[in-house]
């Protein structure tokens, strides 16, 4: 059974027991060159939530981190340089932030820019998932919460999620949302993404600390992101060709497609 959740409905259902949720989790991205296992903290209060990487200077979040040295920091992006000079490469850890407003059915995500040492701000809707509920005889227990199971296909990947309505009636890490419970664990079938809980704290009495860090900032709608990247690549290609007149094509692996497939895995000709 597939469903598209109406977030306003869950907001009003959840508002009768206002609470603050502090959720810490790890988000492992399995890439051939630089596996990352980032540690996030998500805070959810009533109709909004804010998640971000806890410490971008924590080098242990890089697989084989002993092979890297600190390279520098700029605009909340830390670069780590591979020690082996015969294979020059670097890994960047960004202070990625994800803000969700459930009453407005929207979210903002900051993502490292491919061509600059700063961030793009991407705006998207919250109701972008179509979930299929999976029937299990028994609930799965995660961090002492009873969790049910669901699956979805989202922008190029298949995912399995575990969620619990003992925590809240909506919410979850990264963009993941839209189930009748808080998502505490999710992974992609292809093994590229693996999100696991570290701890959950529920505070019924709290002082609100969440603000939208992207208020009044320039943003790009996700639906426009592919064209924005392609236009940036054209400009980058022009500059590269001025230095190398024999350059005829360009292929860029966009960091913005780490989880979502933007269809940029092909060689482009900008002539």
Protein backbone atom coordinates (compact mmCIF):
# COMPACT_ATOMS: atom_id res chain seq x y z
CA UNK A 1 0.00 0.00 0.00
CA UNK A 2 1.52 3.30 -1.08
CA UNK A 3 0.70 6.64 0.42
CA UNK A 4 1.69 10.28 0.16
CA UNK A 5 1.58 11.84 3.62
CA UNK A 6 -0.06 15.24 4.19
CA UNK A 7 2.37 16.89 6.62
CA UNK A 8 -0.06 19.44 8.01
CA UNK A 9 -2.24 16.59 9.27
CA UNK A 10 0.64 15.08 11.23
CA UNK A 11 1.69 18.47 12.51
CA UNK A 12 -1.68 19.06 14.17
CA UNK A 13 -1.77 15.48 15.49
CA UNK A 14 1.67 15.89 17.00
CA UNK A 15 1.08 19.36 18.43
CA UNK A 16 -1.15 18.01 21.22
CA UNK A 17 2.01 16.73 22.95
CA UNK A 18 4.62 19.36 22.14
CA UNK A 19 8.13 18.15 22.82
CA UNK A 20 11.73 18.52 21.82
CA UNK A 21 13.57 15.58 20.23
CA UNK A 22 17.36 15.45 20.08
CA UNK A 23 18.42 12.73 17.68
CA UNK A 24 22.04 11.85 16.96
CA UNK A 25 22.89 9.59 14.05
CA UNK A 26 25.66 8.52 11.70
CA UNK A 27 25.34 8.83 7.93
CA UNK A 28 27.74 6.60 6.03
CA UNK A 29 28.34 7.33 2.35
CA UNK A 30 30.21 4.54 0.57
CA UNK A 31 32.28 6.07 -2.22
CA UNK A 32 35.29 4.38 -3.84
CA UNK A 33 37.68 7.27 -3.18
CA UNK A 34 36.66 8.72 0.18
CA UNK A 35 34.19 6.80 2.35
CA UNK A 36 32.56 9.14 4.87
CA UNK A 37 30.74 8.26 8.09
CA UNK A 38 29.45 11.65 9.22
CA UNK A 39 27.93 12.27 12.65
CA UNK A 40 24.82 14.45 12.75
CA UNK A 41 22.62 16.01 15.40
CA UNK A 42 18.93 16.62 14.62
CA UNK A 43 16.73 18.75 16.89
CA UNK A 44 12.97 18.70 16.31
CA UNK A 45 10.50 21.04 18.03
CA UNK A 46 6.79 21.07 17.23
CA UNK A 47 6.51 21.99 13.52
CA UNK A 48 10.22 22.35 12.65
CA UNK A 49 13.54 20.56 12.79
CA UNK A 50 17.20 21.35 12.17
CA UNK A 51 19.96 18.82 11.50
CA UNK A 52 23.66 19.44 10.91
CA UNK A 53 27.04 17.71 10.95
CA UNK A 54 28.24 17.81 14.58
CA UNK A 55 31.94 18.50 14.02
CA UNK A 56 33.46 19.05 10.57
CA UNK A 57 36.94 18.95 12.13
CA UNK A 58 36.45 15.38 13.32
CA UNK A 59 38.82 13.60 10.92
CA UNK A 60 37.74 10.16 12.22
CA UNK A 61 34.62 10.58 10.06
CA UNK A 62 36.81 9.72 7.05
CA UNK A 63 37.51 6.06 6.33
CA UNK A 64 41.27 5.45 6.65
CA UNK A 65 41.58 8.89 8.24
CA UNK A 66 45.19 8.23 9.28
CA UNK A 67 46.10 8.66 5.59
CA UNK A 68 44.96 12.31 5.63
CA UNK A 69 46.17 15.61 7.05
CA UNK A 70 44.16 18.75 7.84
CA UNK A 71 44.22 20.97 4.77
CA UNK A 72 42.27 24.08 5.74
CA UNK A 73 38.82 25.50 6.42
CA UNK A 74 36.70 27.99 4.49
CA UNK A 75 33.00 28.84 4.89
CA UNK A 76 32.37 25.82 7.14
CA UNK A 77 34.03 23.43 4.70
CA UNK A 78 37.09 21.56 5.95
CA UNK A 79 39.56 20.06 3.47
CA UNK A 80 41.70 17.04 4.31
CA UNK A 81 44.68 16.23 2.09
CA UNK A 82 45.90 12.73 1.26
CA UNK A 83 49.40 12.26 2.66
CA UNK A 84 50.70 10.24 -0.30
CA UNK A 85 52.08 12.86 -2.69
CA UNK A 86 52.10 10.36 -5.58
CA UNK A 87 48.29 10.32 -5.54
CA UNK A 88 47.19 13.92 -4.87
CA UNK A 89 43.58 14.15 -3.73
CA UNK A 90 41.55 15.64 -0.91
CA UNK A 91 38.33 15.03 0.99
CA UNK A 92 35.96 17.79 2.07
CA UNK A 93 33.65 17.66 5.09
CA UNK A 94 30.95 20.31 5.03
CA UNK A 95 28.75 21.64 7.82
CA UNK A 96 25.67 20.53 5.95
CA UNK A 97 22.41 21.79 7.45
CA UNK A 98 18.85 20.58 6.83
CA UNK A 99 15.97 22.75 8.06
CA UNK A 100 12.37 21.52 7.82
CA UNK A 101 9.15 23.45 8.36
CA UNK A 102 6.23 21.02 8.56
CA UNK A 103 3.53 23.69 8.78
CA UNK A 104 4.85 25.17 5.49
CA UNK A 105 5.67 21.80 3.88
CA UNK A 106 9.17 22.86 2.88
CA UNK A 107 12.82 22.21 3.64
CA UNK A 108 16.17 23.85 2.99
CA UNK A 109 19.44 21.94 2.55
CA UNK A 110 22.91 23.47 2.39
CA UNK A 111 25.22 21.56 0.04
CA UNK A 112 28.88 22.15 -0.86
CA UNK A 113 29.38 24.02 -4.12
CA UNK A 114 31.22 22.07 -6.82
CA UNK A 115 33.27 25.05 -8.01
CA UNK A 116 33.67 27.20 -4.89
CA UNK A 117 34.61 26.70 -1.25
CA UNK A 118 31.12 27.56 -0.04
CA UNK A 119 27.54 26.28 -0.10
CA UNK A 120 24.45 26.22 -2.24
CA UNK A 121 21.08 26.38 -0.50
CA UNK A 122 18.54 23.98 -2.02
CA UNK A 123 14.81 24.30 -1.36
CA UNK A 124 12.48 21.33 -1.69
CA UNK A 125 9.05 20.14 -0.62
CA UNK A 126 8.62 17.70 2.25
CA UNK A 127 6.02 15.47 0.60
CA UNK A 128 8.42 13.98 -1.99
CA UNK A 129 8.33 10.35 -0.86
CA UNK A 130 5.91 7.58 -1.77
CA UNK A 131 6.20 4.91 0.91
CA UNK A 132 5.14 1.29 0.85
CA UNK A 133 4.51 -0.19 4.30
CA UNK A 134 6.12 -3.59 4.97
CA UNK A 135 4.29 -6.06 7.16
CA UNK A 136 6.36 -7.80 9.85
CA UNK A 137 5.01 -10.18 12.47
CA UNK A 138 6.94 -8.36 15.20
CA UNK A 139 8.16 -4.79 15.53
CA UNK A 140 11.90 -4.13 15.42
CA UNK A 141 13.29 -2.65 18.65
CA UNK A 142 15.75 0.22 18.06
CA UNK A 143 17.05 2.25 21.03
CA UNK A 144 14.17 0.80 23.10
CA UNK A 145 11.52 2.07 20.65
CA UNK A 146 9.17 -0.23 18.72
CA UNK A 147 9.74 0.40 15.02
CA UNK A 148 7.85 -0.56 11.90
CA UNK A 149 9.29 -0.92 8.41
CA UNK A 150 8.66 0.77 5.05
CA UNK A 151 10.37 1.11 1.69
CA UNK A 152 10.53 3.71 -1.07
CA UNK A 153 12.25 4.52 -4.34
CA UNK A 154 13.62 8.05 -4.31
CA UNK A 155 15.56 9.84 -7.06
CA UNK A 156 17.44 6.83 -8.34
CA UNK A 157 17.73 4.63 -5.24
CA UNK A 158 15.65 2.12 -3.28
CA UNK A 159 15.51 2.60 0.49
CA UNK A 160 14.30 0.69 3.56
CA UNK A 161 13.33 2.72 6.65
CA UNK A 162 12.47 1.95 10.28
CA UNK A 163 10.14 4.41 12.03
CA UNK A 164 8.40 4.71 15.40
CA UNK A 165 5.30 6.64 16.46
CA UNK A 166 6.49 6.31 20.06
CA UNK A 167 8.83 9.24 19.30
CA UNK A 168 6.72 11.47 17.03
CA UNK A 169 4.21 11.23 14.18
CA UNK A 170 6.68 12.51 11.55
CA UNK A 171 10.32 13.50 11.16
CA UNK A 172 13.60 11.91 10.20
CA UNK A 173 17.22 12.41 9.13
CA UNK A 174 18.33 14.27 6.01
CA UNK A 175 15.36 14.76 3.62
CA UNK A 176 13.77 11.49 4.67
CA UNK A 177 10.27 12.04 6.05
CA UNK A 178 6.59 11.41 5.41
CA UNK A 179 5.94 8.27 7.47
CA UNK A 180 3.43 8.05 10.37
CA UNK A 181 6.31 8.02 12.83
CA UNK A 182 9.87 9.30 13.33
CA UNK A 183 12.46 7.62 11.05
CA UNK A 184 15.34 6.31 13.17
CA UNK A 185 17.17 4.14 10.65
CA UNK A 186 17.33 4.03 6.84
CA UNK A 187 19.59 2.49 4.24
CA UNK A 188 19.75 2.15 0.46
CA UNK A 189 19.50 -1.30 -1.08
CA UNK A 190 22.67 -0.71 -3.13
CA UNK A 191 24.70 -0.06 0.03
CA UNK A 192 25.60 3.53 -0.89
CA UNK A 193 23.78 5.17 2.04
CA UNK A 194 23.49 3.79 5.57
CA UNK A 195 21.97 5.96 8.33
CA UNK A 196 22.04 4.56 11.87
CA UNK A 197 20.86 6.02 15.19
CA UNK A 198 23.30 6.81 17.99
CA UNK A 199 20.95 8.28 20.62
CA UNK A 200 17.48 9.78 21.05
CA UNK A 201 16.42 12.14 23.85
CA UNK A 202 12.86 13.41 24.31
CA UNK A 203 12.32 16.59 26.37
CA UNK A 204 8.68 17.39 27.18
CA UNK A 205 9.69 20.67 28.86
CA UNK A 206 12.10 22.77 26.86
CA UNK A 207 13.06 26.24 25.67
CA UNK A 208 12.96 26.49 21.87
CA UNK A 209 16.38 26.84 20.23
CA UNK A 210 15.59 26.24 16.55
CA UNK A 211 15.67 29.04 14.00
CA UNK A 212 15.71 28.84 10.22
CA UNK A 213 19.40 29.45 9.32
CA UNK A 214 18.42 30.08 5.69
CA UNK A 215 15.91 32.85 6.26
CA UNK A 216 16.34 35.64 3.68
CA UNK A 217 19.15 33.71 1.95
CA UNK A 218 19.29 33.01 -1.77
CA UNK A 219 18.17 29.48 -2.65
CA UNK A 220 17.68 27.18 -5.63
CA UNK A 221 14.67 24.91 -6.06
CA UNK A 222 15.79 21.29 -6.40
CA UNK A 223 13.94 20.97 -9.71
CA UNK A 224 16.22 23.71 -11.13
CA UNK A 225 19.45 22.32 -9.68
CA UNK A 226 20.55 20.24 -12.67
CA UNK A 227 20.39 23.21 -15.06
CA UNK A 228 22.23 25.43 -12.57
CA UNK A 229 25.08 22.91 -12.35
CA UNK A 230 25.26 22.48 -16.12
CA UNK A 231 25.45 26.26 -16.62
CA UNK A 232 28.23 26.47 -14.06
CA UNK A 233 30.08 23.71 -15.87
CA UNK A 234 29.82 25.57 -19.17
CA UNK A 235 31.46 28.61 -17.59
CA UNK A 236 34.11 26.42 -15.96
CA UNK A 237 34.77 24.72 -19.31
CA UNK A 238 35.26 28.10 -21.03
CA UNK A 239 37.90 29.05 -18.47
CA UNK A 240 39.59 25.64 -18.74
CA UNK A 241 39.63 25.81 -22.55
CA UNK A 242 41.29 29.21 -22.51
CA UNK A 243 44.20 27.50 -20.77
CA UNK A 244 44.01 24.38 -22.97
CA UNK A 245 42.67 25.08 -26.50
CA UNK A 246 42.62 21.35 -27.30
CA UNK A 247 40.00 20.61 -24.64
CA UNK A 248 36.83 19.27 -26.32
CA UNK A 249 34.70 17.74 -23.60
CA UNK A 250 34.06 17.87 -19.89
CA UNK A 251 32.85 15.41 -17.28
CA UNK A 252 32.19 16.52 -13.73
CA UNK A 253 31.07 14.24 -10.91
CA UNK A 254 28.75 16.60 -9.04
CA UNK A 255 29.05 16.42 -5.26
CA UNK A 256 25.39 17.41 -5.12
CA UNK A 257 24.39 13.95 -6.38
CA UNK A 258 25.84 12.01 -3.45
CA UNK A 259 22.35 10.75 -2.50
CA UNK A 260 20.12 12.04 -5.30
CA UNK A 261 20.79 11.18 -8.92
CA UNK A 262 20.77 14.33 -11.04
CA UNK A 263 21.64 12.45 -14.23
CA UNK A 264 25.09 14.01 -14.59
CA UNK A 265 27.16 10.84 -15.05
CA UNK A 266 27.93 11.41 -18.70
CA UNK A 267 30.44 13.33 -20.75
CA UNK A 268 29.30 16.77 -21.89
CA UNK A 269 30.56 18.71 -24.88
CA UNK A 270 30.52 22.47 -24.38
CA UNK A 271 31.62 23.74 -27.78
